[in-house]
């Protein structure tokens, strides 16, 4: 009996060891899968950014083709070189002033933050908020989250280089890559794949058009308002407001922070006016340019946009936050084309 009990104990011990190894292997595979998924998602977002650059170049080339009746290839070449010259010219004429303003902003921000803390400490509510932040250490946690939220996996310069290079490749021969994607599909799905890629191209083009309109709209109105108020760093703050408008929900709030901090140097009244001005500009933008964007794209529920921004931002950093809306638009289009329309066709046939 003693030998039998020992055998049972050994079997149970072996089975327990096997279970531990199996559990450990499964956890390792899950971690590897999550790491590969995160890396692949970062690469896909860079590819999407390159696609958007190519769409922009082709859209700009369409202007030359429409009004000057130039050939497609010549229009694309002129579009690329014209935009590059435009970018170089902008930094040539405005870059020195912009660099000076950015340096001034980086120098004045610490002082303005301390000034804001002083003014907050003079009120009962502000002093309680400062005590709460200092006691719980939430400010440090918030800064870590923000750094992670707007960081990238490959580095800013390398990301921009990859995106620009991909954009040039996609601009030169977009049909090559479209045909490559469609060729991977089964024979029965090739027609549906062509239709889907064309539909996605149209949606991304319309989204990009709306965002460019919003950029100029916000930047120009912000610059006019800041000049009227006599604020410093007008060019920098206007560009920040226009560029961050590409990030819905979070972008306008982030753009407001440096403007409010700088305005506090001139007094709380100026800061209140700045907040009201930025809010008013956002209201006008929402009522003027946002309907144009919604008409040109599929309608995305606001809650879904926020969830997509937070999820992609936590996974991939800045690019996830920036490209959350087109990613959601792509997913909704794919689901609509491949699932919802098939379900409706099946119901109508039955």
C-alpha atoms as a PDB file:
ATOM      1  CA  UNK A   1       0.000   0.000   0.000  1.00  0.00           C
ATOM      2  CA  UNK A   2       2.893   2.335   0.837  1.00  0.00           C
ATOM      3  CA  UNK A   3       4.429   1.796  -2.594  1.00  0.00           C
ATOM      4  CA  UNK A   4       1.066   2.491  -4.260  1.00  0.00           C
ATOM      5  CA  UNK A   5       0.707   5.764  -2.333  1.00  0.00           C
ATOM      6  CA  UNK A   6       4.208   6.800  -3.397  1.00  0.00           C
ATOM      7  CA  UNK A   7       3.371   6.079  -7.049  1.00  0.00           C
ATOM      8  CA  UNK A   8       0.183   8.169  -6.826  1.00  0.00           C
ATOM      9  CA  UNK A   9       2.159  11.002  -5.177  1.00  0.00           C
ATOM     10  CA  UNK A  10       4.770  10.910  -7.949  1.00  0.00           C
ATOM     11  CA  UNK A  11       2.069  10.953 -10.631  1.00  0.00           C
ATOM     12  CA  UNK A  12       0.326  13.911  -9.008  1.00  0.00           C
ATOM     13  CA  UNK A  13       3.652  15.726  -8.676  1.00  0.00           C
ATOM     14  CA  UNK A  14       4.469  15.093 -12.330  1.00  0.00           C
ATOM     15  CA  UNK A  15       1.031  16.203 -13.424  1.00  0.00           C
ATOM     16  CA  UNK A  16       1.402  19.367 -11.309  1.00  0.00           C
ATOM     17  CA  UNK A  17       4.787  20.093 -12.900  1.00  0.00           C
ATOM     18  CA  UNK A  18       3.295  19.578 -16.346  1.00  0.00           C
ATOM     19  CA  UNK A  19       0.480  21.987 -15.515  1.00  0.00           C
ATOM     20  CA  UNK A  20       2.999  24.605 -14.360  1.00  0.00           C
ATOM     21  CA  UNK A  21       5.025  24.218 -17.561  1.00  0.00           C
ATOM     22  CA  UNK A  22       1.883  24.383 -19.701  1.00  0.00           C
ATOM     23  CA  UNK A  23       0.637  27.508 -17.882  1.00  0.00           C
ATOM     24  CA  UNK A  24       4.051  29.142 -18.164  1.00  0.00           C
ATOM     25  CA  UNK A  25       4.252  28.313 -21.859  1.00  0.00           C
ATOM     26  CA  UNK A  26       0.786  29.749 -22.508  1.00  0.00           C
ATOM     27  CA  UNK A  27       1.620  32.966 -20.650  1.00  0.00           C
ATOM     28  CA  UNK A  28       4.891  33.282 -22.582  1.00  0.00           C
ATOM     29  CA  UNK A  29       3.082  32.771 -25.881  1.00  0.00           C
ATOM     30  CA  UNK A  30       0.497  35.402 -24.923  1.00  0.00           C
ATOM     31  CA  UNK A  31       3.226  37.910 -24.035  1.00  0.00           C
ATOM     32  CA  UNK A  32       5.053  37.206 -27.284  1.00  0.00           C
ATOM     33  CA  UNK A  33       1.795  37.603 -29.209  1.00  0.00           C
ATOM     34  CA  UNK A  34       1.027  40.928 -27.487  1.00  0.00           C
ATOM     35  CA  UNK A  35       4.554  42.201 -28.202  1.00  0.00           C
ATOM     36  CA  UNK A  36       4.336  41.184 -31.859  1.00  0.00           C
ATOM     37  CA  UNK A  37       0.831  42.660 -32.113  1.00  0.00           C
ATOM     38  CA  UNK A  38       2.003  45.980 -30.630  1.00  0.00           C
ATOM     39  CA  UNK A  39       5.019  46.124 -32.958  1.00  0.00           C
ATOM     40  CA  UNK A  40       2.927  45.183 -35.982  1.00  0.00           C
ATOM     41  CA  UNK A  41       0.337  47.803 -35.053  1.00  0.00           C
ATOM     42  CA  UNK A  42       3.028  50.496 -34.870  1.00  0.00           C
ATOM     43  CA  UNK A  43       4.286  49.494 -38.314  1.00  0.00           C
ATOM     44  CA  UNK A  44       0.744  49.497 -39.734  1.00  0.00           C
ATOM     45  CA  UNK A  45       0.132  52.996 -38.367  1.00  0.00           C
ATOM     46  CA  UNK A  46       3.316  54.247 -40.056  1.00  0.00           C
ATOM     47  CA  UNK A  47       2.126  52.637 -43.290  1.00  0.00           C
ATOM     48  CA  UNK A  48      -1.243  54.385 -42.880  1.00  0.00           C
ATOM     49  CA  UNK A  49       0.537  57.724 -42.367  1.00  0.00           C
ATOM     50  CA  UNK A  50       2.527  57.079 -45.556  1.00  0.00           C
ATOM     51  CA  UNK A  51      -0.702  56.291 -47.400  1.00  0.00           C
ATOM     52  CA  UNK A  52      -2.194  59.595 -46.222  1.00  0.00           C
ATOM     53  CA  UNK A  53       0.862  61.493 -47.513  1.00  0.00           C
ATOM     54  CA  UNK A  54       0.512  59.755 -50.877  1.00  0.00           C
ATOM     55  CA  UNK A  55      -3.194  60.629 -50.966  1.00  0.00           C
ATOM     56  CA  UNK A  56      -2.293  64.260 -50.242  1.00  0.00           C
ATOM     57  CA  UNK A  57       0.270  64.367 -53.068  1.00  0.00           C
ATOM     58  CA  UNK A  58      -2.208  62.808 -55.502  1.00  0.00           C
ATOM     59  CA  UNK A  59      -4.959  65.192 -54.393  1.00  0.00           C
ATOM     60  CA  UNK A  60      -2.665  68.161 -54.924  1.00  0.00           C
ATOM     61  CA  UNK A  61      -1.664  66.762 -58.312  1.00  0.00           C
ATOM     62  CA  UNK A  62      -5.348  66.639 -59.216  1.00  0.00           C
ATOM     63  CA  UNK A  63      -5.448  70.447 -58.998  1.00  0.00           C
ATOM     64  CA  UNK A  64      -2.716  70.803 -61.634  1.00  0.00           C
ATOM     65  CA  UNK A  65      -4.352  68.165 -63.801  1.00  0.00           C
ATOM     66  CA  UNK A  66      -7.773  69.805 -63.553  1.00  0.00           C
ATOM     67  CA  UNK A  67      -6.842  73.427 -64.155  1.00  0.00           C
ATOM     68  CA  UNK A  68      -3.734  73.083 -66.340  1.00  0.00           C
ATOM     69  CA  UNK A  69      -4.610  69.792 -68.105  1.00  0.00           C
ATOM     70  CA  UNK A  70      -1.169  68.357 -67.442  1.00  0.00           C
ATOM     71  CA  UNK A  71      -0.503  64.594 -67.646  1.00  0.00           C
ATOM     72  CA  UNK A  72      -0.951  62.588 -64.443  1.00  0.00           C
ATOM     73  CA  UNK A  73       2.721  61.694 -63.977  1.00  0.00           C
ATOM     74  CA  UNK A  74       3.875  65.266 -64.584  1.00  0.00           C
ATOM     75  CA  UNK A  75       1.236  66.571 -62.154  1.00  0.00           C
ATOM     76  CA  UNK A  76       2.401  64.154 -59.447  1.00  0.00           C
ATOM     77  CA  UNK A  77       6.059  65.103 -59.897  1.00  0.00           C
ATOM     78  CA  UNK A  78       5.192  68.808 -59.738  1.00  0.00           C
ATOM     79  CA  UNK A  79       2.966  68.171 -56.709  1.00  0.00           C
ATOM     80  CA  UNK A  80       5.787  66.494 -54.761  1.00  0.00           C
ATOM     81  CA  UNK A  81       8.413  69.095 -55.655  1.00  0.00           C
ATOM     82  CA  UNK A  82       6.016  72.015 -55.123  1.00  0.00           C
ATOM     83  CA  UNK A  83       5.102  70.845 -51.622  1.00  0.00           C
ATOM     84  CA  UNK A  84       8.733  70.198 -50.744  1.00  0.00           C
ATOM     85  CA  UNK A  85       9.675  73.690 -51.953  1.00  0.00           C
ATOM     86  CA  UNK A  86       6.708  75.106 -50.050  1.00  0.00           C
ATOM     87  CA  UNK A  87       7.874  73.380 -46.860  1.00  0.00           C
ATOM     88  CA  UNK A  88      11.490  74.490 -47.346  1.00  0.00           C
ATOM     89  CA  UNK A  89      10.350  78.039 -48.118  1.00  0.00           C
ATOM     90  CA  UNK A  90       8.179  78.119 -45.015  1.00  0.00           C
ATOM     91  CA  UNK A  91      11.046  77.128 -42.751  1.00  0.00           C
ATOM     92  CA  UNK A  92      13.405  79.445 -44.627  1.00  0.00           C
ATOM     93  CA  UNK A  93      11.268  82.548 -44.118  1.00  0.00           C
ATOM     94  CA  UNK A  94       9.469  81.621 -40.910  1.00  0.00           C
ATOM     95  CA  UNK A  95      11.781  79.011 -39.392  1.00  0.00           C
ATOM     96  CA  UNK A  96      14.133  81.445 -37.643  1.00  0.00           C
ATOM     97  CA  UNK A  97      11.257  83.339 -36.056  1.00  0.00           C
ATOM     98  CA  UNK A  98       9.476  80.105 -35.203  1.00  0.00           C
ATOM     99  CA  UNK A  99      12.622  78.660 -33.604  1.00  0.00           C
ATOM    100  CA  UNK A 100      13.063  81.837 -31.574  1.00  0.00           C
ATOM    101  CA  UNK A 101       9.469  81.681 -30.385  1.00  0.00           C
ATOM    102  CA  UNK A 102       9.732  77.977 -29.501  1.00  0.00           C
ATOM    103  CA  UNK A 103      12.920  78.653 -27.520  1.00  0.00           C
ATOM    104  CA  UNK A 104      11.213  81.548 -25.774  1.00  0.00           C
ATOM    105  CA  UNK A 105       8.227  79.313 -25.032  1.00  0.00           C
ATOM    106  CA  UNK A 106      10.444  76.617 -23.507  1.00  0.00           C
ATOM    107  CA  UNK A 107      12.199  79.244 -21.372  1.00  0.00           C
ATOM    108  CA  UNK A 108       9.040  80.957 -20.151  1.00  0.00           C
ATOM    109  CA  UNK A 109       6.956  77.835 -19.457  1.00  0.00           C
ATOM    110  CA  UNK A 110       8.649  76.932 -16.138  1.00  0.00           C
ATOM    111  CA  UNK A 111       8.154  80.483 -14.884  1.00  0.00           C
ATOM    112  CA  UNK A 112       4.542  80.556 -16.042  1.00  0.00           C
ATOM    113  CA  UNK A 113       3.848  77.216 -14.348  1.00  0.00           C
ATOM    114  CA  UNK A 114       5.257  78.546 -11.077  1.00  0.00           C
ATOM    115  CA  UNK A 115       3.213  81.717 -11.531  1.00  0.00           C
ATOM    116  CA  UNK A 116       0.094  79.604 -12.082  1.00  0.00           C
ATOM    117  CA  UNK A 117       0.836  77.636  -8.904  1.00  0.00           C
ATOM    118  CA  UNK A 118       1.203  80.870  -6.955  1.00  0.00           C
ATOM    119  CA  UNK A 119      -2.112  82.193  -8.202  1.00  0.00           C
ATOM    120  CA  UNK A 120      -3.788  78.858  -7.458  1.00  0.00           C
ATOM    121  CA  UNK A 121      -2.381  78.867  -3.922  1.00  0.00           C
ATOM    122  CA  UNK A 122      -4.049  82.227  -3.250  1.00  0.00           C
ATOM    123  CA  UNK A 123      -7.501  80.637  -3.547  1.00  0.00           C
ATOM    124  CA  UNK A 124      -8.961  77.998  -1.247  1.00  0.00           C
ATOM    125  CA  UNK A 125      -9.937  75.650  -4.081  1.00  0.00           C
ATOM    126  CA  UNK A 126      -6.598  76.045  -5.862  1.00  0.00           C
ATOM    127  CA  UNK A 127      -4.551  75.410  -2.708  1.00  0.00           C
ATOM    128  CA  UNK A 128      -6.538  72.244  -2.000  1.00  0.00           C
ATOM    129  CA  UNK A 129      -5.924  71.051  -5.562  1.00  0.00           C
ATOM    130  CA  UNK A 130      -2.181  71.680  -5.211  1.00  0.00           C
ATOM    131  CA  UNK A 131      -2.073  69.869  -1.860  1.00  0.00           C
ATOM    132  CA  UNK A 132      -3.921  66.928  -3.352  1.00  0.00           C
ATOM    133  CA  UNK A 133      -1.513  66.691  -6.293  1.00  0.00           C
ATOM    134  CA  UNK A 134       1.559  66.996  -4.086  1.00  0.00           C
ATOM    135  CA  UNK A 135       0.347  64.489  -1.500  1.00  0.00           C
ATOM    136  CA  UNK A 136      -0.778  61.767  -3.885  1.00  0.00           C
ATOM    137  CA  UNK A 137       1.980  62.172  -6.478  1.00  0.00           C
ATOM    138  CA  UNK A 138      -0.631  62.209  -9.240  1.00  0.00           C
ATOM    139  CA  UNK A 139       1.244  64.927 -11.127  1.00  0.00           C
ATOM    140  CA  UNK A 140       4.232  62.635 -11.668  1.00  0.00           C
ATOM    141  CA  UNK A 141       1.956  59.795 -12.723  1.00  0.00           C
ATOM    142  CA  UNK A 142       0.130  62.109 -15.096  1.00  0.00           C
ATOM    143  CA  UNK A 143       3.404  63.237 -16.669  1.00  0.00           C
ATOM    144  CA  UNK A 144       4.457  59.614 -17.163  1.00  0.00           C
ATOM    145  CA  UNK A 145       1.137  58.820 -18.828  1.00  0.00           C
ATOM    146  CA  UNK A 146       1.430  61.876 -21.066  1.00  0.00           C
ATOM    147  CA  UNK A 147       4.994  60.944 -22.035  1.00  0.00           C
ATOM    148  CA  UNK A 148       3.865  57.419 -22.909  1.00  0.00           C
ATOM    149  CA  UNK A 149       0.727  58.724 -24.622  1.00  0.00           C
ATOM    150  CA  UNK A 150       2.675  60.918 -27.018  1.00  0.00           C
ATOM    151  CA  UNK A 151       5.802  58.822 -27.449  1.00  0.00           C
ATOM    152  CA  UNK A 152       6.580  56.522 -30.359  1.00  0.00           C
ATOM    153  CA  UNK A 153       8.249  53.171 -30.680  1.00  0.00           C
ATOM    154  CA  UNK A 154      10.880  54.076 -33.280  1.00  0.00           C
ATOM    155  CA  UNK A 155      11.718  57.674 -32.381  1.00  0.00           C
ATOM    156  CA  UNK A 156      10.319  60.862 -33.890  1.00  0.00           C
ATOM    157  CA  UNK A 157      12.950  61.460 -36.574  1.00  0.00           C
ATOM    158  CA  UNK A 158      13.046  57.847 -37.717  1.00  0.00           C
ATOM    159  CA  UNK A 159       9.245  57.732 -37.769  1.00  0.00           C
ATOM    160  CA  UNK A 160       9.043  60.844 -39.931  1.00  0.00           C
ATOM    161  CA  UNK A 161      11.713  59.512 -42.269  1.00  0.00           C
ATOM    162  CA  UNK A 162       9.901  56.167 -42.641  1.00  0.00           C
ATOM    163  CA  UNK A 163       6.539  57.851 -43.188  1.00  0.00           C
ATOM    164  CA  UNK A 164       7.907  60.251 -45.800  1.00  0.00           C
ATOM    165  CA  UNK A 165       9.758  57.464 -47.612  1.00  0.00           C
ATOM    166  CA  UNK A 166       6.647  55.274 -47.645  1.00  0.00           C
ATOM    167  CA  UNK A 167       4.608  58.246 -48.830  1.00  0.00           C
ATOM    168  CA  UNK A 168       6.940  58.728 -51.804  1.00  0.00           C
ATOM    169  CA  UNK A 169       6.793  55.023 -52.705  1.00  0.00           C
ATOM    170  CA  UNK A 170       2.999  54.968 -52.497  1.00  0.00           C
ATOM    171  CA  UNK A 171       2.799  58.194 -54.506  1.00  0.00           C
ATOM    172  CA  UNK A 172       4.932  56.874 -57.362  1.00  0.00           C
ATOM    173  CA  UNK A 173       2.988  53.644 -57.923  1.00  0.00           C
ATOM    174  CA  UNK A 174      -0.177  53.330 -55.818  1.00  0.00           C
ATOM    175  CA  UNK A 175      -1.768  50.804 -58.200  1.00  0.00           C
ATOM    176  CA  UNK A 176       1.147  48.412 -57.635  1.00  0.00           C
ATOM    177  CA  UNK A 177       0.407  48.145 -53.921  1.00  0.00           C
ATOM    178  CA  UNK A 178      -3.364  47.996 -54.435  1.00  0.00           C
ATOM    179  CA  UNK A 179      -2.959  45.149 -56.907  1.00  0.00           C
ATOM    180  CA  UNK A 180      -0.583  43.438 -54.492  1.00  0.00           C
ATOM    181  CA  UNK A 181      -3.171  43.524 -51.715  1.00  0.00           C
ATOM    182  CA  UNK A 182      -5.955  42.295 -53.989  1.00  0.00           C
ATOM    183  CA  UNK A 183      -3.761  39.499 -55.387  1.00  0.00           C
ATOM    184  CA  UNK A 184      -3.452  38.005 -51.888  1.00  0.00           C
ATOM    185  CA  UNK A 185      -7.217  37.511 -51.712  1.00  0.00           C
ATOM    186  CA  UNK A 186      -9.037  34.385 -52.957  1.00  0.00           C
ATOM    187  CA  UNK A 187     -10.452  34.497 -56.479  1.00  0.00           C
ATOM    188  CA  UNK A 188     -14.029  34.920 -55.226  1.00  0.00           C
ATOM    189  CA  UNK A 189     -13.058  37.898 -53.061  1.00  0.00           C
ATOM    190  CA  UNK A 190     -10.974  39.866 -55.592  1.00  0.00           C
ATOM    191  CA  UNK A 191     -13.862  41.982 -56.886  1.00  0.00           C
ATOM    192  CA  UNK A 192     -14.972  42.771 -53.350  1.00  0.00           C
ATOM    193  CA  UNK A 193     -11.342  43.583 -52.453  1.00  0.00           C
ATOM    194  CA  UNK A 194     -11.043  46.067 -55.323  1.00  0.00           C
ATOM    195  CA  UNK A 195     -14.285  47.728 -54.303  1.00  0.00           C
ATOM    196  CA  UNK A 196     -13.167  47.903 -50.668  1.00  0.00           C
ATOM    197  CA  UNK A 197      -9.737  49.408 -51.441  1.00  0.00           C
ATOM    198  CA  UNK A 198     -11.333  52.051 -53.674  1.00  0.00           C
ATOM    199  CA  UNK A 199     -13.867  52.861 -50.970  1.00  0.00           C
ATOM    200  CA  UNK A 200     -11.142  53.186 -48.339  1.00  0.00           C
ATOM    201  CA  UNK A 201      -9.113  55.464 -50.617  1.00  0.00           C
ATOM    202  CA  UNK A 202     -12.090  57.793 -51.012  1.00  0.00           C
ATOM    203  CA  UNK A 203     -12.793  57.873 -47.260  1.00  0.00           C
ATOM    204  CA  UNK A 204      -9.171  58.625 -46.341  1.00  0.00           C
ATOM    205  CA  UNK A 205      -9.007  61.334 -48.996  1.00  0.00           C
ATOM    206  CA  UNK A 206     -12.137  63.036 -47.692  1.00  0.00           C
ATOM    207  CA  UNK A 207     -10.900  62.822 -44.100  1.00  0.00           C
ATOM    208  CA  UNK A 208      -7.577  64.381 -45.060  1.00  0.00           C
ATOM    209  CA  UNK A 209      -9.311  67.185 -46.957  1.00  0.00           C
ATOM    210  CA  UNK A 210     -11.455  67.982 -43.936  1.00  0.00           C
ATOM    211  CA  UNK A 211      -8.465  67.973 -41.588  1.00  0.00           C
ATOM    212  CA  UNK A 212      -6.475  70.339 -43.825  1.00  0.00           C
ATOM    213  CA  UNK A 213      -9.438  72.724 -43.950  1.00  0.00           C
ATOM    214  CA  UNK A 214      -9.679  72.528 -40.169  1.00  0.00           C
ATOM    215  CA  UNK A 215      -5.949  73.197 -39.761  1.00  0.00           C
ATOM    216  CA  UNK A 216      -6.012  76.450 -41.735  1.00  0.00           C
ATOM    217  CA  UNK A 217      -9.327  77.477 -40.184  1.00  0.00           C
ATOM    218  CA  UNK A 218      -8.115  77.031 -36.597  1.00  0.00           C
ATOM    219  CA  UNK A 219      -4.599  78.407 -37.181  1.00  0.00           C
ATOM    220  CA  UNK A 220      -5.790  81.591 -38.923  1.00  0.00           C
ATOM    221  CA  UNK A 221      -8.566  82.359 -36.416  1.00  0.00           C
ATOM    222  CA  UNK A 222      -6.246  81.679 -33.493  1.00  0.00           C
ATOM    223  CA  UNK A 223      -3.543  83.949 -34.932  1.00  0.00           C
ATOM    224  CA  UNK A 224      -6.064  86.766 -35.473  1.00  0.00           C
ATOM    225  CA  UNK A 225      -7.384  86.435 -31.924  1.00  0.00           C
ATOM    226  CA  UNK A 226      -3.912  86.361 -30.374  1.00  0.00           C
ATOM    227  CA  UNK A 227      -2.829  89.443 -32.358  1.00  0.00           C
ATOM    228  CA  UNK A 228      -5.930  91.339 -31.207  1.00  0.00           C
ATOM    229  CA  UNK A 229      -5.190  90.411 -27.581  1.00  0.00           C
ATOM    230  CA  UNK A 230      -1.538  91.425 -27.968  1.00  0.00           C
ATOM    231  CA  UNK A 231      -0.224  88.000 -26.988  1.00  0.00           C
ATOM    232  CA  UNK A 232       3.402  86.989 -27.632  1.00  0.00           C
ATOM    233  CA  UNK A 233       4.438  83.883 -29.608  1.00  0.00           C
ATOM    234  CA  UNK A 234       1.495  84.262 -31.985  1.00  0.00           C
ATOM    235  CA  UNK A 235       2.977  82.131 -34.771  1.00  0.00           C
ATOM    236  CA  UNK A 236       3.953  79.258 -32.477  1.00  0.00           C
ATOM    237  CA  UNK A 237       0.644  79.156 -30.604  1.00  0.00           C
ATOM    238  CA  UNK A 238      -1.363  79.368 -33.845  1.00  0.00           C
ATOM    239  CA  UNK A 239       0.593  76.518 -35.432  1.00  0.00           C
ATOM    240  CA  UNK A 240       0.219  74.410 -32.277  1.00  0.00           C
ATOM    241  CA  UNK A 241      -3.550  74.987 -32.309  1.00  0.00           C
ATOM    242  CA  UNK A 242      -3.831  74.146 -36.009  1.00  0.00           C
ATOM    243  CA  UNK A 243      -1.656  71.030 -35.873  1.00  0.00           C
ATOM    244  CA  UNK A 244      -3.264  69.641 -32.719  1.00  0.00           C
ATOM    245  CA  UNK A 245      -6.652  70.053 -34.379  1.00  0.00           C
ATOM    246  CA  UNK A 246      -5.729  66.842 -36.233  1.00  0.00           C
ATOM    247  CA  UNK A 247      -6.252  65.105 -32.865  1.00  0.00           C
ATOM    248  CA  UNK A 248      -9.958  65.299 -31.999  1.00  0.00           C
ATOM    249  CA  UNK A 249     -11.137  65.665 -28.381  1.00  0.00           C
ATOM    250  CA  UNK A 250      -7.655  65.883 -26.826  1.00  0.00           C
ATOM    251  CA  UNK A 251      -5.841  68.146 -29.310  1.00  0.00           C
ATOM    252  CA  UNK A 252      -7.714  71.424 -28.620  1.00  0.00           C
ATOM    253  CA  UNK A 253      -7.291  70.948 -24.848  1.00  0.00           C
ATOM    254  CA  UNK A 254      -3.551  70.358 -25.192  1.00  0.00           C
ATOM    255  CA  UNK A 255      -3.222  73.393 -27.488  1.00  0.00           C
ATOM    256  CA  UNK A 256      -4.987  75.534 -24.879  1.00  0.00           C
ATOM    257  CA  UNK A 257      -2.482  74.732 -22.094  1.00  0.00           C
ATOM    258  CA  UNK A 258       0.567  76.753 -23.327  1.00  0.00           C
ATOM    259  CA  UNK A 259      -1.655  79.667 -24.356  1.00  0.00           C
ATOM    260  CA  UNK A 260      -3.265  79.826 -20.903  1.00  0.00           C
ATOM    261  CA  UNK A 261       0.075  79.521 -19.111  1.00  0.00           C
ATOM    262  CA  UNK A 262       1.563  82.386 -21.140  1.00  0.00           C
ATOM    263  CA  UNK A 263      -1.548  84.535 -20.696  1.00  0.00           C
ATOM    264  CA  UNK A 264      -1.314  84.106 -16.917  1.00  0.00           C
ATOM    265  CA  UNK A 265       1.842  86.231 -17.048  1.00  0.00           C
ATOM    266  CA  UNK A 266      -0.435  89.101 -18.098  1.00  0.00           C
ATOM    267  CA  UNK A 267      -3.070  88.354 -15.478  1.00  0.00           C
ATOM    268  CA  UNK A 268      -5.972  85.984 -14.758  1.00  0.00           C
ATOM    269  CA  UNK A 269      -8.341  88.111 -16.827  1.00  0.00           C
ATOM    270  CA  UNK A 270      -6.284  87.517 -19.968  1.00  0.00           C
ATOM    271  CA  UNK A 271      -6.247  83.781 -19.253  1.00  0.00           C
ATOM    272  CA  UNK A 272     -10.044  83.740 -19.007  1.00  0.00           C
ATOM    273  CA  UNK A 273     -10.298  85.611 -22.313  1.00  0.00           C
ATOM    274  CA  UNK A 274      -7.906  83.102 -23.944  1.00  0.00           C
ATOM    275  CA  UNK A 275     -10.015  80.175 -22.723  1.00  0.00           C
ATOM    276  CA  UNK A 276     -13.180  81.817 -24.048  1.00  0.00           C
ATOM    277  CA  UNK A 277     -11.496  82.620 -27.387  1.00  0.00           C
ATOM    278  CA  UNK A 278     -10.230  79.062 -27.913  1.00  0.00           C
ATOM    279  CA  UNK A 279     -13.631  77.656 -26.927  1.00  0.00           C
ATOM    280  CA  UNK A 280     -15.408  80.023 -29.314  1.00  0.00           C
ATOM    281  CA  UNK A 281     -13.073  79.061 -32.170  1.00  0.00           C
ATOM    282  CA  UNK A 282     -13.718  75.377 -31.494  1.00  0.00           C
ATOM    283  CA  UNK A 283     -17.486  76.002 -31.518  1.00  0.00           C
ATOM    284  CA  UNK A 284     -17.208  77.761 -34.882  1.00  0.00           C
ATOM    285  CA  UNK A 285     -14.985  74.988 -36.229  1.00  0.00           C
ATOM    286  CA  UNK A 286     -17.444  72.342 -35.031  1.00  0.00           C
ATOM    287  CA  UNK A 287     -20.366  74.111 -36.707  1.00  0.00           C
ATOM    288  CA  UNK A 288     -18.557  75.038 -39.957  1.00  0.00           C
ATOM    289  CA  UNK A 289     -15.821  72.561 -40.881  1.00  0.00           C
ATOM    290  CA  UNK A 290     -16.931  69.494 -38.907  1.00  0.00           C
ATOM    291  CA  UNK A 291     -20.165  69.079 -40.926  1.00  0.00           C
ATOM    292  CA  UNK A 292     -18.035  69.136 -44.092  1.00  0.00           C
ATOM    293  CA  UNK A 293     -15.869  66.344 -42.694  1.00  0.00           C
ATOM    294  CA  UNK A 294     -18.890  64.296 -41.624  1.00  0.00           C
ATOM    295  CA  UNK A 295     -20.465  64.674 -45.070  1.00  0.00           C
ATOM    296  CA  UNK A 296     -17.304  63.357 -46.701  1.00  0.00           C
ATOM    297  CA  UNK A 297     -16.735  60.407 -44.368  1.00  0.00           C
ATOM    298  CA  UNK A 298     -18.735  57.789 -42.605  1.00  0.00           C
ATOM    299  CA  UNK A 299     -20.190  58.960 -39.303  1.00  0.00           C
ATOM    300  CA  UNK A 300     -18.174  57.707 -36.313  1.00  0.00           C
ATOM    301  CA  UNK A 301     -19.811  57.775 -32.858  1.00  0.00           C
ATOM    302  CA  UNK A 302     -17.920  60.167 -30.535  1.00  0.00           C
ATOM    303  CA  UNK A 303     -17.579  57.528 -27.794  1.00  0.00           C
ATOM    304  CA  UNK A 304     -15.991  55.123 -30.277  1.00  0.00           C
ATOM    305  CA  UNK A 305     -13.507  57.821 -31.294  1.00  0.00           C
ATOM    306  CA  UNK A 306     -12.467  58.420 -27.680  1.00  0.00           C
ATOM    307  CA  UNK A 307     -12.125  54.682 -26.992  1.00  0.00           C
ATOM    308  CA  UNK A 308     -10.046  54.256 -30.143  1.00  0.00           C
ATOM    309  CA  UNK A 309      -7.786  57.182 -29.213  1.00  0.00           C
ATOM    310  CA  UNK A 310      -7.181  55.919 -25.689  1.00  0.00           C
ATOM    311  CA  UNK A 311      -6.607  52.299 -26.750  1.00  0.00           C
ATOM    312  CA  UNK A 312      -4.305  53.106 -29.675  1.00  0.00           C
ATOM    313  CA  UNK A 313      -2.563  55.828 -27.678  1.00  0.00           C
ATOM    314  CA  UNK A 314      -1.724  53.439 -24.863  1.00  0.00           C
ATOM    315  CA  UNK A 315      -0.507  50.802 -27.320  1.00  0.00           C
ATOM    316  CA  UNK A 316       1.443  52.868 -29.837  1.00  0.00           C
ATOM    317  CA  UNK A 317       1.770  56.402 -28.451  1.00  0.00           C
ATOM    318  CA  UNK A 318       1.475  59.522 -30.589  1.00  0.00           C
ATOM    319  CA  UNK A 319       0.697  57.865 -33.924  1.00  0.00           C
ATOM    320  CA  UNK A 320      -2.171  55.928 -32.364  1.00  0.00           C
ATOM    321  CA  UNK A 321      -3.750  59.107 -31.008  1.00  0.00           C
ATOM    322  CA  UNK A 322      -3.202  60.990 -34.264  1.00  0.00           C
ATOM    323  CA  UNK A 323      -4.538  58.268 -36.569  1.00  0.00           C
ATOM    324  CA  UNK A 324      -7.306  56.864 -34.347  1.00  0.00           C
ATOM    325  CA  UNK A 325     -10.090  58.426 -36.434  1.00  0.00           C
ATOM    326  CA  UNK A 326      -8.958  57.079 -39.838  1.00  0.00           C
ATOM    327  CA  UNK A 327      -8.308  53.692 -38.204  1.00  0.00           C
ATOM    328  CA  UNK A 328     -11.864  53.669 -36.816  1.00  0.00           C
ATOM    329  CA  UNK A 329     -13.162  54.756 -40.232  1.00  0.00           C
ATOM    330  CA  UNK A 330     -11.278  51.898 -41.915  1.00  0.00           C
ATOM    331  CA  UNK A 331     -12.577  49.335 -39.418  1.00  0.00           C
ATOM    332  CA  UNK A 332     -16.173  50.550 -39.731  1.00  0.00           C
ATOM    333  CA  UNK A 333     -15.949  50.518 -43.532  1.00  0.00           C
ATOM    334  CA  UNK A 334     -14.517  46.995 -43.578  1.00  0.00           C
ATOM    335  CA  UNK A 335     -17.213  45.739 -41.188  1.00  0.00           C
ATOM    336  CA  UNK A 336     -19.924  47.472 -43.214  1.00  0.00           C
ATOM    337  CA  UNK A 337     -18.707  46.131 -46.558  1.00  0.00           C
ATOM    338  CA  UNK A 338     -17.895  42.574 -45.466  1.00  0.00           C
ATOM    339  CA  UNK A 339     -20.466  41.860 -42.772  1.00  0.00           C
ATOM    340  CA  UNK A 340     -23.390  44.288 -42.496  1.00  0.00           C
ATOM    341  CA  UNK A 341     -24.131  44.487 -46.219  1.00  0.00           C
ATOM    342  CA  UNK A 342     -23.922  40.685 -46.497  1.00  0.00           C
ATOM    343  CA  UNK A 343     -26.342  40.333 -43.595  1.00  0.00           C
ATOM    344  CA  UNK A 344     -28.788  42.768 -45.210  1.00  0.00           C
ATOM    345  CA  UNK A 345     -28.493  40.951 -48.547  1.00  0.00           C
ATOM    346  CA  UNK A 346     -29.132  37.613 -46.819  1.00  0.00           C
ATOM    347  CA  UNK A 347     -32.221  38.979 -45.036  1.00  0.00           C
ATOM    348  CA  UNK A 348     -33.639  40.471 -48.234  1.00  0.00           C
ATOM    349  CA  UNK A 349     -33.072  37.227 -50.150  1.00  0.00           C
ATOM    350  CA  UNK A 350     -34.689  35.107 -47.454  1.00  0.00           C
END
